[in-house]
Amino acid sequence: MTNLLSSKPSPQETGATLMWRHGDIMVAAVPALPEGAFLLPSRVLVYGQATGHSHRIEDPGTADLYERNGVRYVHVHAREARLIHEEHRTIVLPQGVYRFWHQREYTPNAIVRVVD
């Protein structure tokens, strides 16, 4: 008899989406880059609007950024890439493709973008 509590399924086995929050941005694993996505010249995901700091890939040789129809992606082609920012803990992204976007929050008057 198998002990169901001792073998925890991976997110991929359960169909869960791997997601991270890095200050004011969200990062979520996606199956692949969309067809027609174009390579961006920078490794900066987002510049902070309040501080001027940036959410960026620490080693440019580990990942590339892409965009398709206003949606941005990071493709980690090395074993891993480190997402860094001066005010947040480093996130280690395993090899794969990720979509990223600004967080939003609800207020009684509007849905507003979180500012870092």
PDB file of N, CA and C in Angstrom:
ATOM      1  N   MET A   1       0.843  -1.180   0.000  1.00  0.00           N
ATOM      2  CA  MET A   1       0.000   0.000   0.000  1.00  0.00           C
ATOM      3  C   MET A   1       0.891   1.247   0.000  1.00  0.00           C
ATOM      4  N   THR A   2       0.592   2.215  -0.860  1.00  0.00           N
ATOM      5  CA  THR A   2       1.374   3.429  -0.993  1.00  0.00           C
ATOM      6  C   THR A   2       0.925   4.465   0.026  1.00  0.00           C
ATOM      7  N   ASN A   3       1.890   5.094   0.667  1.00  0.00           N
ATOM      8  CA  ASN A   3       1.586   6.173   1.586  1.00  0.00           C
ATOM      9  C   ASN A   3       1.392   7.440   0.759  1.00  0.00           C
ATOM     10  N   LEU A   4       0.175   7.907   0.631  1.00  0.00           N
ATOM     11  CA  LEU A   4      -0.138   9.058  -0.207  1.00  0.00           C
ATOM     12  C   LEU A   4       0.477  10.352   0.317  1.00  0.00           C
ATOM     13  N   LEU A   5       0.764  10.430   1.597  1.00  0.00           N
ATOM     14  CA  LEU A   5       1.315  11.646   2.159  1.00  0.00           C
ATOM     15  C   LEU A   5       2.813  11.776   1.900  1.00  0.00           C
ATOM     16  N   SER A   6       3.487  10.662   1.611  1.00  0.00           N
ATOM     17  CA  SER A   6       4.933  10.728   1.452  1.00  0.00           C
ATOM     18  C   SER A   6       5.364  11.097   0.042  1.00  0.00           C
ATOM     19  N   SER A   7       4.502  10.943  -0.938  1.00  0.00           N
ATOM     20  CA  SER A   7       4.898  11.303  -2.303  1.00  0.00           C
ATOM     21  C   SER A   7       4.037  12.459  -2.787  1.00  0.00           C
ATOM     22  N   LYS A   8       4.612  13.621  -2.692  1.00  0.00           N
ATOM     23  CA  LYS A   8       3.914  14.843  -3.092  1.00  0.00           C
ATOM     24  C   LYS A   8       4.059  15.025  -4.595  1.00  0.00           C
ATOM     25  N   PRO A   9       2.966  15.184  -5.338  1.00  0.00           N
ATOM     26  CA  PRO A   9       3.066  15.369  -6.793  1.00  0.00           C
ATOM     27  C   PRO A   9       3.674  16.727  -7.136  1.00  0.00           C
ATOM     28  N   SER A  10       4.367  16.783  -8.258  1.00  0.00           N
ATOM     29  CA  SER A  10       4.939  18.042  -8.712  1.00  0.00           C
ATOM     30  C   SER A  10       3.831  18.925  -9.264  1.00  0.00           C
ATOM     31  N   PRO A  11       4.086  20.238  -9.373  1.00  0.00           N
ATOM     32  CA  PRO A  11       3.070  21.117  -9.978  1.00  0.00           C
ATOM     33  C   PRO A  11       2.687  20.673 -11.390  1.00  0.00           C
ATOM     34  N   GLN A  12       3.674  20.166 -12.155  1.00  0.00           N
ATOM     35  CA  GLN A  12       3.378  19.708 -13.507  1.00  0.00           C
ATOM     36  C   GLN A  12       2.411  18.515 -13.487  1.00  0.00           C
ATOM     37  N   GLU A  13       2.557  17.633 -12.507  1.00  0.00           N
ATOM     38  CA  GLU A  13       1.677  16.463 -12.408  1.00  0.00           C
ATOM     39  C   GLU A  13       0.252  16.846 -12.031  1.00  0.00           C
ATOM     40  N   THR A  14       0.104  17.919 -11.278  1.00  0.00           N
ATOM     41  CA  THR A  14      -1.235  18.330 -10.841  1.00  0.00           C
ATOM     42  C   THR A  14      -1.880  19.328 -11.790  1.00  0.00           C
ATOM     43  N   GLY A  15      -1.104  19.816 -12.760  1.00  0.00           N
ATOM     44  CA  GLY A  15      -1.631  20.817 -13.683  1.00  0.00           C
ATOM     45  C   GLY A  15      -1.546  22.224 -13.129  1.00  0.00           C
ATOM     46  N   ALA A  16      -0.866  22.400 -11.981  1.00  0.00           N
ATOM     47  CA  ALA A  16      -0.733  23.730 -11.386  1.00  0.00           C
ATOM     48  C   ALA A  16       0.255  24.567 -12.196  1.00  0.00           C
ATOM     49  N   THR A  17       0.072  25.867 -12.166  1.00  0.00           N
ATOM     50  CA  THR A  17       0.976  26.782 -12.842  1.00  0.00           C
ATOM     51  C   THR A  17       2.005  27.285 -11.844  1.00  0.00           C
ATOM     52  N   LEU A  18       3.289  27.188 -12.214  1.00  0.00           N
ATOM     53  CA  LEU A  18       4.341  27.729 -11.364  1.00  0.00           C
ATOM     54  C   LEU A  18       4.324  29.237 -11.510  1.00  0.00           C
ATOM     55  N   MET A  19       4.238  29.947 -10.362  1.00  0.00           N
ATOM     56  CA  MET A  19       4.179  31.407 -10.380  1.00  0.00           C
ATOM     57  C   MET A  19       5.059  31.968  -9.281  1.00  0.00           C
ATOM     58  N   TRP A  20       5.605  33.165  -9.558  1.00  0.00           N
ATOM     59  CA  TRP A  20       6.396  33.884  -8.580  1.00  0.00           C
ATOM     60  C   TRP A  20       5.955  35.335  -8.590  1.00  0.00           C
ATOM     61  N   ARG A  21       6.071  35.973  -7.418  1.00  0.00           N
ATOM     62  CA  ARG A  21       5.859  37.410  -7.316  1.00  0.00           C
ATOM     63  C   ARG A  21       7.213  38.027  -6.994  1.00  0.00           C
ATOM     64  N   HIS A  22       7.593  39.029  -7.752  1.00  0.00           N
ATOM     65  CA  HIS A  22       8.877  39.706  -7.543  1.00  0.00           C
ATOM     66  C   HIS A  22       8.582  41.195  -7.460  1.00  0.00           C
ATOM     67  N   GLY A  23       8.253  41.650  -6.250  1.00  0.00           N
ATOM     68  CA  GLY A  23       7.855  43.052  -6.099  1.00  0.00           C
ATOM     69  C   GLY A  23       6.566  43.314  -6.829  1.00  0.00           C
ATOM     70  N   ASP A  24       6.610  44.220  -7.807  1.00  0.00           N
ATOM     71  CA  ASP A  24       5.391  44.598  -8.519  1.00  0.00           C
ATOM     72  C   ASP A  24       5.160  43.807  -9.796  1.00  0.00           C
ATOM     73  N   ILE A  25       5.938  42.759 -10.043  1.00  0.00           N
ATOM     74  CA  ILE A  25       5.680  41.938 -11.228  1.00  0.00           C
ATOM     75  C   ILE A  25       5.347  40.505 -10.832  1.00  0.00           C
ATOM     76  N   MET A  26       4.635  39.857 -11.715  1.00  0.00           N
ATOM     77  CA  MET A  26       4.302  38.440 -11.577  1.00  0.00           C
ATOM     78  C   MET A  26       4.989  37.692 -12.705  1.00  0.00           C
ATOM     79  N   VAL A  27       5.423  36.469 -12.410  1.00  0.00           N
ATOM     80  CA  VAL A  27       6.081  35.617 -13.393  1.00  0.00           C
ATOM     81  C   VAL A  27       5.388  34.264 -13.335  1.00  0.00           C
ATOM     82  N   ALA A  28       4.989  33.732 -14.492  1.00  0.00           N
ATOM     83  CA  ALA A  28       4.299  32.438 -14.538  1.00  0.00           C
ATOM     84  C   ALA A  28       4.866  31.592 -15.663  1.00  0.00           C
ATOM     85  N   ALA A  29       5.067  30.316 -15.370  1.00  0.00           N
ATOM     86  CA  ALA A  29       5.548  29.381 -16.381  1.00  0.00           C
ATOM     87  C   ALA A  29       4.480  29.198 -17.454  1.00  0.00           C
ATOM     88  N   VAL A  30       4.931  29.109 -18.710  1.00  0.00           N
ATOM     89  CA  VAL A  30       4.044  28.824 -19.845  1.00  0.00           C
ATOM     90  C   VAL A  30       4.681  27.701 -20.655  1.00  0.00           C
ATOM     91  N   PRO A  31       3.892  26.989 -21.449  1.00  0.00           N
ATOM     92  CA  PRO A  31       4.441  25.841 -22.175  1.00  0.00           C
ATOM     93  C   PRO A  31       5.515  26.190 -23.198  1.00  0.00           C
ATOM     94  N   ALA A  32       5.373  27.330 -23.890  1.00  0.00           N
ATOM     95  CA  ALA A  32       6.323  27.672 -24.957  1.00  0.00           C
ATOM     96  C   ALA A  32       6.148  29.137 -25.343  1.00  0.00           C
ATOM     97  N   LEU A  33       7.138  29.666 -26.053  1.00  0.00           N
ATOM     98  CA  LEU A  33       6.995  31.007 -26.623  1.00  0.00           C
ATOM     99  C   LEU A  33       5.920  30.967 -27.701  1.00  0.00           C
ATOM    100  N   PRO A  34       5.102  31.998 -27.791  1.00  0.00           N
ATOM    101  CA  PRO A  34       4.107  32.016 -28.868  1.00  0.00           C
ATOM    102  C   PRO A  34       4.792  32.220 -30.216  1.00  0.00           C
ATOM    103  N   GLU A  35       4.214  31.684 -31.235  1.00  0.00           N
ATOM    104  CA  GLU A  35       4.737  31.864 -32.585  1.00  0.00           C
ATOM    105  C   GLU A  35       4.719  33.349 -32.924  1.00  0.00           C
ATOM    106  N   GLY A  36       5.797  33.821 -33.510  1.00  0.00           N
ATOM    107  CA  GLY A  36       5.881  35.219 -33.897  1.00  0.00           C
ATOM    108  C   GLY A  36       6.440  36.134 -32.828  1.00  0.00           C
ATOM    109  N   ALA A  37       6.808  35.586 -31.658  1.00  0.00           N
ATOM    110  CA  ALA A  37       7.411  36.421 -30.617  1.00  0.00           C
ATOM    111  C   ALA A  37       8.766  36.906 -31.109  1.00  0.00           C
ATOM    112  N   PHE A  38       9.082  38.172 -30.824  1.00  0.00           N
ATOM    113  CA  PHE A  38      10.360  38.703 -31.279  1.00  0.00           C
ATOM    114  C   PHE A  38      11.282  38.987 -30.106  1.00  0.00           C
ATOM    115  N   LEU A  39      12.575  38.814 -30.351  1.00  0.00           N
ATOM    116  CA  LEU A  39      13.619  38.987 -29.352  1.00  0.00           C
ATOM    117  C   LEU A  39      13.777  40.460 -28.995  1.00  0.00           C
ATOM    118  N   LEU A  40      13.861  40.747 -27.696  1.00  0.00           N
ATOM    119  CA  LEU A  40      14.113  42.108 -27.209  1.00  0.00           C
ATOM    120  C   LEU A  40      15.606  42.264 -26.920  1.00  0.00           C
ATOM    121  N   PRO A  41      16.151  43.451 -27.085  1.00  0.00           N
ATOM    122  CA  PRO A  41      17.596  43.636 -26.907  1.00  0.00           C
ATOM    123  C   PRO A  41      18.062  43.688 -25.455  1.00  0.00           C
ATOM    124  N   SER A  42      17.177  43.844 -24.515  1.00  0.00           N
ATOM    125  CA  SER A  42      17.531  44.032 -23.112  1.00  0.00           C
ATOM    126  C   SER A  42      17.279  42.766 -22.296  1.00  0.00           C
ATOM    127  N   ARG A  43      17.869  42.689 -21.110  1.00  0.00           N
ATOM    128  CA  ARG A  43      17.577  41.620 -20.156  1.00  0.00           C
ATOM    129  C   ARG A  43      16.849  42.189 -18.936  1.00  0.00           C
ATOM    130  N   VAL A  44      16.341  43.422 -19.067  1.00  0.00           N
ATOM    131  CA  VAL A  44      15.567  44.065 -18.005  1.00  0.00           C
ATOM    132  C   VAL A  44      14.102  43.773 -18.246  1.00  0.00           C
ATOM    133  N   LEU A  45      13.461  43.089 -17.290  1.00  0.00           N
ATOM    134  CA  LEU A  45      12.050  42.794 -17.434  1.00  0.00           C
ATOM    135  C   LEU A  45      11.235  44.063 -17.281  1.00  0.00           C
ATOM    136  N   VAL A  46      11.488  44.797 -16.176  1.00  0.00           N
ATOM    137  CA  VAL A  46      10.719  45.997 -15.871  1.00  0.00           C
ATOM    138  C   VAL A  46      11.584  46.948 -15.049  1.00  0.00           C
ATOM    139  N   TYR A  47      11.511  48.236 -15.351  1.00  0.00           N
ATOM    140  CA  TYR A  47      12.138  49.256 -14.514  1.00  0.00           C
ATOM    141  C   TYR A  47      11.142  49.694 -13.455  1.00  0.00           C
ATOM    142  N   GLY A  48      11.602  49.837 -12.207  1.00  0.00           N
ATOM    143  CA  GLY A  48      10.744  50.314 -11.131  1.00  0.00           C
ATOM    144  C   GLY A  48      10.393  51.774 -11.349  1.00  0.00           C
ATOM    145  N   GLN A  49       9.136  52.132 -11.162  1.00  0.00           N
ATOM    146  CA  GLN A  49       8.713  53.502 -11.415  1.00  0.00           C
ATOM    147  C   GLN A  49       8.995  54.418 -10.236  1.00  0.00           C
ATOM    148  N   ALA A  50       9.002  53.881  -9.034  1.00  0.00           N
ATOM    149  CA  ALA A  50       9.221  54.725  -7.865  1.00  0.00           C
ATOM    150  C   ALA A  50      10.709  54.919  -7.574  1.00  0.00           C
ATOM    151  N   THR A  51      11.526  53.875  -7.801  1.00  0.00           N
ATOM    152  CA  THR A  51      12.934  53.935  -7.401  1.00  0.00           C
ATOM    153  C   THR A  51      13.910  53.976  -8.566  1.00  0.00           C
ATOM    154  N   GLY A  52      13.481  53.579  -9.753  1.00  0.00           N
ATOM    155  CA  GLY A  52      14.394  53.480 -10.883  1.00  0.00           C
ATOM    156  C   GLY A  52      15.167  52.176 -10.905  1.00  0.00           C
ATOM    157  N   HIS A  53      15.003  51.338  -9.876  1.00  0.00           N
ATOM    158  CA  HIS A  53      15.627  50.022  -9.862  1.00  0.00           C
ATOM    159  C   HIS A  53      14.971  49.160 -10.929  1.00  0.00           C
ATOM    160  N   SER A  54      15.587  48.019 -11.233  1.00  0.00           N
ATOM    161  CA  SER A  54      15.014  47.184 -12.282  1.00  0.00           C
ATOM    162  C   SER A  54      14.936  45.724 -11.877  1.00  0.00           C
ATOM    163  N   HIS A  55      13.923  45.053 -12.407  1.00  0.00           N
ATOM    164  CA  HIS A  55      13.797  43.605 -12.313  1.00  0.00           C
ATOM    165  C   HIS A  55      14.524  43.092 -13.547  1.00  0.00           C
ATOM    166  N   ARG A  56      15.604  42.324 -13.349  1.00  0.00           N
ATOM    167  CA  ARG A  56      16.434  41.953 -14.484  1.00  0.00           C
ATOM    168  C   ARG A  56      17.073  40.580 -14.286  1.00  0.00           C
ATOM    169  N   ILE A  57      17.501  40.013 -15.399  1.00  0.00           N
ATOM    170  CA  ILE A  57      18.226  38.757 -15.370  1.00  0.00           C
ATOM    171  C   ILE A  57      19.675  39.081 -15.020  1.00  0.00           C
ATOM    172  N   GLU A  58      20.191  38.462 -13.975  1.00  0.00           N
ATOM    173  CA  GLU A  58      21.534  38.777 -13.486  1.00  0.00           C
ATOM    174  C   GLU A  58      22.616  38.487 -14.531  1.00  0.00           C
ATOM    175  N   ASP A  59      22.586  37.314 -15.136  1.00  0.00           N
ATOM    176  CA  ASP A  59      23.580  36.939 -16.141  1.00  0.00           C
ATOM    177  C   ASP A  59      22.903  36.924 -17.509  1.00  0.00           C
ATOM    178  N   PRO A  60      23.199  37.915 -18.351  1.00  0.00           N
ATOM    179  CA  PRO A  60      22.528  38.005 -19.655  1.00  0.00           C
ATOM    180  C   PRO A  60      22.679  36.758 -20.524  1.00  0.00           C
ATOM    181  N   GLY A  61      23.687  35.931 -20.260  1.00  0.00           N
ATOM    182  CA  GLY A  61      23.891  34.733 -21.061  1.00  0.00           C
ATOM    183  C   GLY A  61      22.961  33.583 -20.712  1.00  0.00           C
ATOM    184  N   THR A  62      22.097  33.758 -19.705  1.00  0.00           N
ATOM    185  CA  THR A  62      21.239  32.653 -19.268  1.00  0.00           C
ATOM    186  C   THR A  62      19.815  32.717 -19.804  1.00  0.00           C
ATOM    187  N   ALA A  63      19.394  33.894 -20.284  1.00  0.00           N
ATOM    188  CA  ALA A  63      17.995  34.041 -20.701  1.00  0.00           C
ATOM    189  C   ALA A  63      17.845  35.165 -21.714  1.00  0.00           C
ATOM    190  N   ASP A  64      16.764  35.111 -22.466  1.00  0.00           N
ATOM    191  CA  ASP A  64      16.410  36.151 -23.430  1.00  0.00           C
ATOM    192  C   ASP A  64      14.979  36.593 -23.178  1.00  0.00           C
ATOM    193  N   LEU A  65      14.692  37.853 -23.512  1.00  0.00           N
ATOM    194  CA  LEU A  65      13.331  38.376 -23.386  1.00  0.00           C
ATOM    195  C   LEU A  65      12.704  38.479 -24.766  1.00  0.00           C
ATOM    196  N   TYR A  66      11.404  38.199 -24.820  1.00  0.00           N
ATOM    197  CA  TYR A  66      10.641  38.236 -26.063  1.00  0.00           C
ATOM    198  C   TYR A  66       9.342  38.985 -25.830  1.00  0.00           C
ATOM    199  N   GLU A  67       8.723  39.419 -26.922  1.00  0.00           N
ATOM    200  CA  GLU A  67       7.415  40.057 -26.846  1.00  0.00           C
ATOM    201  C   GLU A  67       6.560  39.607 -28.012  1.00  0.00           C
ATOM    202  N   ARG A  68       5.280  39.473 -27.744  1.00  0.00           N
ATOM    203  CA  ARG A  68       4.298  39.140 -28.784  1.00  0.00           C
ATOM    204  C   ARG A  68       2.985  39.794 -28.407  1.00  0.00           C
ATOM    205  N   ASN A  69       2.484  40.686 -29.255  1.00  0.00           N
ATOM    206  CA  ASN A  69       1.206  41.382 -29.024  1.00  0.00           C
ATOM    207  C   ASN A  69       1.142  42.067 -27.662  1.00  0.00           C
ATOM    208  N   GLY A  70       2.237  42.707 -27.263  1.00  0.00           N
ATOM    209  CA  GLY A  70       2.260  43.434 -25.999  1.00  0.00           C
ATOM    210  C   GLY A  70       2.472  42.580 -24.770  1.00  0.00           C
ATOM    211  N   VAL A  71       2.572  41.275 -24.937  1.00  0.00           N
ATOM    212  CA  VAL A  71       2.824  40.363 -23.819  1.00  0.00           C
ATOM    213  C   VAL A  71       4.300  40.000 -23.853  1.00  0.00           C
ATOM    214  N   ARG A  72       4.940  40.043 -22.693  1.00  0.00           N
ATOM    215  CA  ARG A  72       6.383  39.782 -22.622  1.00  0.00           C
ATOM    216  C   ARG A  72       6.676  38.430 -21.978  1.00  0.00           C
ATOM    217  N   TYR A  73       7.786  37.855 -22.429  1.00  0.00           N
ATOM    218  CA  TYR A  73       8.199  36.524 -21.995  1.00  0.00           C
ATOM    219  C   TYR A  73       9.690  36.519 -21.706  1.00  0.00           C
ATOM    220  N   VAL A  74      10.102  35.630 -20.815  1.00  0.00           N
ATOM    221  CA  VAL A  74      11.525  35.368 -20.601  1.00  0.00           C
ATOM    222  C   VAL A  74      11.754  33.887 -20.904  1.00  0.00           C
ATOM    223  N   HIS A  75      12.732  33.624 -21.759  1.00  0.00           N
ATOM    224  CA  HIS A  75      13.096  32.246 -22.112  1.00  0.00           C
ATOM    225  C   HIS A  75      14.427  31.942 -21.443  1.00  0.00           C
ATOM    226  N   VAL A  76      14.395  31.080 -20.432  1.00  0.00           N
ATOM    227  CA  VAL A  76      15.611  30.658 -19.738  1.00  0.00           C
ATOM    228  C   VAL A  76      16.180  29.482 -20.516  1.00  0.00           C
ATOM    229  N   HIS A  77      17.294  29.695 -21.206  1.00  0.00           N
ATOM    230  CA  HIS A  77      17.884  28.632 -22.017  1.00  0.00           C
ATOM    231  C   HIS A  77      19.034  27.941 -21.301  1.00  0.00           C
ATOM    232  N   ALA A  78      19.533  28.518 -20.214  1.00  0.00           N
ATOM    233  CA  ALA A  78      20.543  27.860 -19.377  1.00  0.00           C
ATOM    234  C   ALA A  78      19.813  26.957 -18.378  1.00  0.00           C
ATOM    235  N   ARG A  79      20.558  26.273 -17.551  1.00  0.00           N
ATOM    236  CA  ARG A  79      19.942  25.415 -16.535  1.00  0.00           C
ATOM    237  C   ARG A  79      19.020  26.225 -15.614  1.00  0.00           C
ATOM    238  N   GLU A  80      19.423  27.484 -15.362  1.00  0.00           N
ATOM    239  CA  GLU A  80      18.620  28.388 -14.539  1.00  0.00           C
ATOM    240  C   GLU A  80      19.047  29.822 -14.814  1.00  0.00           C
ATOM    241  N   ALA A  81      18.198  30.758 -14.436  1.00  0.00           N
ATOM    242  CA  ALA A  81      18.517  32.179 -14.517  1.00  0.00           C
ATOM    243  C   ALA A  81      18.063  32.823 -13.216  1.00  0.00           C
ATOM    244  N   ARG A  82      18.807  33.816 -12.783  1.00  0.00           N
ATOM    245  CA  ARG A  82      18.498  34.509 -11.533  1.00  0.00           C
ATOM    246  C   ARG A  82      17.850  35.849 -11.849  1.00  0.00           C
ATOM    247  N   LEU A  83      16.637  36.050 -11.339  1.00  0.00           N
ATOM    248  CA  LEU A  83      15.903  37.299 -11.486  1.00  0.00           C
ATOM    249  C   LEU A  83      16.220  38.145 -10.254  1.00  0.00           C
ATOM    250  N   ILE A  84      16.817  39.324 -10.478  1.00  0.00           N
ATOM    251  CA  ILE A  84      17.275  40.138  -9.352  1.00  0.00           C
ATOM    252  C   ILE A  84      16.647  41.526  -9.375  1.00  0.00           C
ATOM    253  N   HIS A  85      16.688  42.160  -8.203  1.00  0.00           N
ATOM    254  CA  HIS A  85      16.216  43.532  -7.989  1.00  0.00           C
ATOM    255  C   HIS A  85      16.833  43.981  -6.672  1.00  0.00           C
ATOM    256  N   GLU A  86      17.181  45.239  -6.557  1.00  0.00           N
ATOM    257  CA  GLU A  86      17.848  45.740  -5.354  1.00  0.00           C
ATOM    258  C   GLU A  86      17.019  45.578  -4.077  1.00  0.00           C
ATOM    259  N   GLU A  87      15.713  45.556  -4.181  1.00  0.00           N
ATOM    260  CA  GLU A  87      14.870  45.534  -2.983  1.00  0.00           C
ATOM    261  C   GLU A  87      14.139  44.218  -2.744  1.00  0.00           C
ATOM    262  N   HIS A  88      14.396  43.200  -3.573  1.00  0.00           N
ATOM    263  CA  HIS A  88      13.664  41.937  -3.439  1.00  0.00           C
ATOM    264  C   HIS A  88      14.630  40.762  -3.432  1.00  0.00           C
ATOM    265  N   ARG A  89      14.181  39.667  -2.862  1.00  0.00           N
ATOM    266  CA  ARG A  89      14.994  38.454  -2.865  1.00  0.00           C
ATOM    267  C   ARG A  89      15.131  37.940  -4.291  1.00  0.00           C
ATOM    268  N   THR A  90      16.257  37.335  -4.574  1.00  0.00           N
ATOM    269  CA  THR A  90      16.506  36.759  -5.888  1.00  0.00           C
ATOM    270  C   THR A  90      15.598  35.562  -6.096  1.00  0.00           C
ATOM    271  N   ILE A  91      15.076  35.437  -7.305  1.00  0.00           N
ATOM    272  CA  ILE A  91      14.273  34.279  -7.696  1.00  0.00           C
ATOM    273  C   ILE A  91      15.077  33.501  -8.719  1.00  0.00           C
ATOM    274  N   VAL A  92      15.220  32.205  -8.500  1.00  0.00           N
ATOM    275  CA  VAL A  92      15.923  31.353  -9.452  1.00  0.00           C
ATOM    276  C   VAL A  92      14.875  30.675 -10.326  1.00  0.00           C
ATOM    277  N   LEU A  93      14.900  31.004 -11.612  1.00  0.00           N
ATOM    278  CA  LEU A  93      13.959  30.420 -12.568  1.00  0.00           C
ATOM    279  C   LEU A  93      14.629  29.240 -13.259  1.00  0.00           C
ATOM    280  N   PRO A  94      14.035  28.053 -13.188  1.00  0.00           N
ATOM    281  CA  PRO A  94      14.600  26.913 -13.910  1.00  0.00           C
ATOM    282  C   PRO A  94      14.419  27.077 -15.421  1.00  0.00           C
ATOM    283  N   GLN A  95      15.174  26.318 -16.176  1.00  0.00           N
ATOM    284  CA  GLN A  95      15.085  26.356 -17.631  1.00  0.00           C
ATOM    285  C   GLN A  95      13.628  26.239 -18.061  1.00  0.00           C
ATOM    286  N   GLY A  96      13.214  27.097 -18.991  1.00  0.00           N
ATOM    287  CA  GLY A  96      11.836  27.082 -19.470  1.00  0.00           C
ATOM    288  C   GLY A  96      11.433  28.442 -19.991  1.00  0.00           C
ATOM    289  N   VAL A  97      10.128  28.610 -20.201  1.00  0.00           N
ATOM    290  CA  VAL A  97       9.571  29.860 -20.727  1.00  0.00           C
ATOM    291  C   VAL A  97       8.570  30.402 -19.709  1.00  0.00           C
ATOM    292  N   TYR A  98       8.605  31.719 -19.512  1.00  0.00           N
ATOM    293  CA  TYR A  98       7.768  32.375 -18.513  1.00  0.00           C
ATOM    294  C   TYR A  98       7.167  33.638 -19.098  1.00  0.00           C
ATOM    295  N   ARG A  99       5.940  33.903 -18.723  1.00  0.00           N
ATOM    296  CA  ARG A  99       5.266  35.157 -19.064  1.00  0.00           C
ATOM    297  C   ARG A  99       5.399  36.048 -17.843  1.00  0.00           C
ATOM    298  N   PHE A 100       5.539  37.362 -18.048  1.00  0.00           N
ATOM    299  CA  PHE A 100       5.582  38.262 -16.897  1.00  0.00           C
ATOM    300  C   PHE A 100       4.751  39.506 -17.160  1.00  0.00           C
ATOM    301  N   TRP A 101       4.232  40.089 -16.076  1.00  0.00           N
ATOM    302  CA  TRP A 101       3.361  41.259 -16.172  1.00  0.00           C
ATOM    303  C   TRP A 101       3.353  42.004 -14.841  1.00  0.00           C
ATOM    304  N   HIS A 102       2.876  43.258 -14.884  1.00  0.00           N
ATOM    305  CA  HIS A 102       2.726  44.067 -13.670  1.00  0.00           C
ATOM    306  C   HIS A 102       1.551  43.561 -12.856  1.00  0.00           C
ATOM    307  N   GLN A 103       1.735  43.522 -11.544  1.00  0.00           N
ATOM    308  CA  GLN A 103       0.623  43.186 -10.666  1.00  0.00           C
ATOM    309  C   GLN A 103      -0.393  44.318 -10.671  1.00  0.00           C
ATOM    310  N   ARG A 104      -1.623  43.972 -10.389  1.00  0.00           N
ATOM    311  CA  ARG A 104      -2.689  44.963 -10.261  1.00  0.00           C
ATOM    312  C   ARG A 104      -3.393  44.722  -8.934  1.00  0.00           C
ATOM    313  N   GLU A 105      -3.983  45.774  -8.408  1.00  0.00           N
ATOM    314  CA  GLU A 105      -4.749  45.620  -7.182  1.00  0.00           C
ATOM    315  C   GLU A 105      -6.077  46.340  -7.312  1.00  0.00           C
ATOM    316  N   TYR A 106      -7.042  45.825  -6.623  1.00  0.00           N
ATOM    317  CA  TYR A 106      -8.377  46.411  -6.654  1.00  0.00           C
ATOM    318  C   TYR A 106      -8.471  47.490  -5.594  1.00  0.00           C
ATOM    319  N   THR A 107      -9.036  48.626  -5.959  1.00  0.00           N
ATOM    320  CA  THR A 107      -9.441  49.658  -5.016  1.00  0.00           C
ATOM    321  C   THR A 107     -10.913  49.932  -5.319  1.00  0.00           C
ATOM    322  N   PRO A 108     -11.647  50.515  -4.405  1.00  0.00           N
ATOM    323  CA  PRO A 108     -13.062  50.761  -4.686  1.00  0.00           C
ATOM    324  C   PRO A 108     -13.307  51.616  -5.933  1.00  0.00           C
ATOM    325  N   ASN A 109     -12.335  52.447  -6.305  1.00  0.00           N
ATOM    326  CA  ASN A 109     -12.524  53.334  -7.461  1.00  0.00           C
ATOM    327  C   ASN A 109     -12.004  52.771  -8.766  1.00  0.00           C
ATOM    328  N   ALA A 110     -11.043  51.853  -8.701  1.00  0.00           N
ATOM    329  CA  ALA A 110     -10.430  51.359  -9.946  1.00  0.00           C
ATOM    330  C   ALA A 110      -9.515  50.180  -9.654  1.00  0.00           C
ATOM    331  N   ILE A 111      -9.136  49.498 -10.729  1.00  0.00           N
ATOM    332  CA  ILE A 111      -8.093  48.494 -10.644  1.00  0.00           C
ATOM    333  C   ILE A 111      -6.809  49.208 -11.050  1.00  0.00           C
ATOM    334  N   VAL A 112      -5.827  49.220 -10.179  1.00  0.00           N
ATOM    335  CA  VAL A 112      -4.611  49.981 -10.436  1.00  0.00           C
ATOM    336  C   VAL A 112      -3.388  49.081 -10.455  1.00  0.00           C
ATOM    337  N   ARG A 113      -2.359  49.521 -11.151  1.00  0.00           N
ATOM    338  CA  ARG A 113      -1.120  48.775 -11.238  1.00  0.00           C
ATOM    339  C   ARG A 113      -0.301  49.004  -9.982  1.00  0.00           C
ATOM    340  N   VAL A 114       0.296  47.960  -9.420  1.00  0.00           N
ATOM    341  CA  VAL A 114       1.172  48.062  -8.268  1.00  0.00           C
ATOM    342  C   VAL A 114       2.455  48.738  -8.723  1.00  0.00           C
ATOM    343  N   VAL A 115       2.929  49.713  -7.950  1.00  0.00           N
ATOM    344  CA  VAL A 115       4.154  50.434  -8.296  1.00  0.00           C
ATOM    345  C   VAL A 115       5.234  50.072  -7.294  1.00  0.00           C
ATOM    346  N   ASP A 116       6.410  49.713  -7.833  1.00  0.00           N
ATOM    347  CA  ASP A 116       7.544  49.286  -7.025  1.00  0.00           C
ATOM    348  C   ASP A 116       8.501  50.435  -6.818  1.00  0.00           C
TER     349      ASP A 116
END
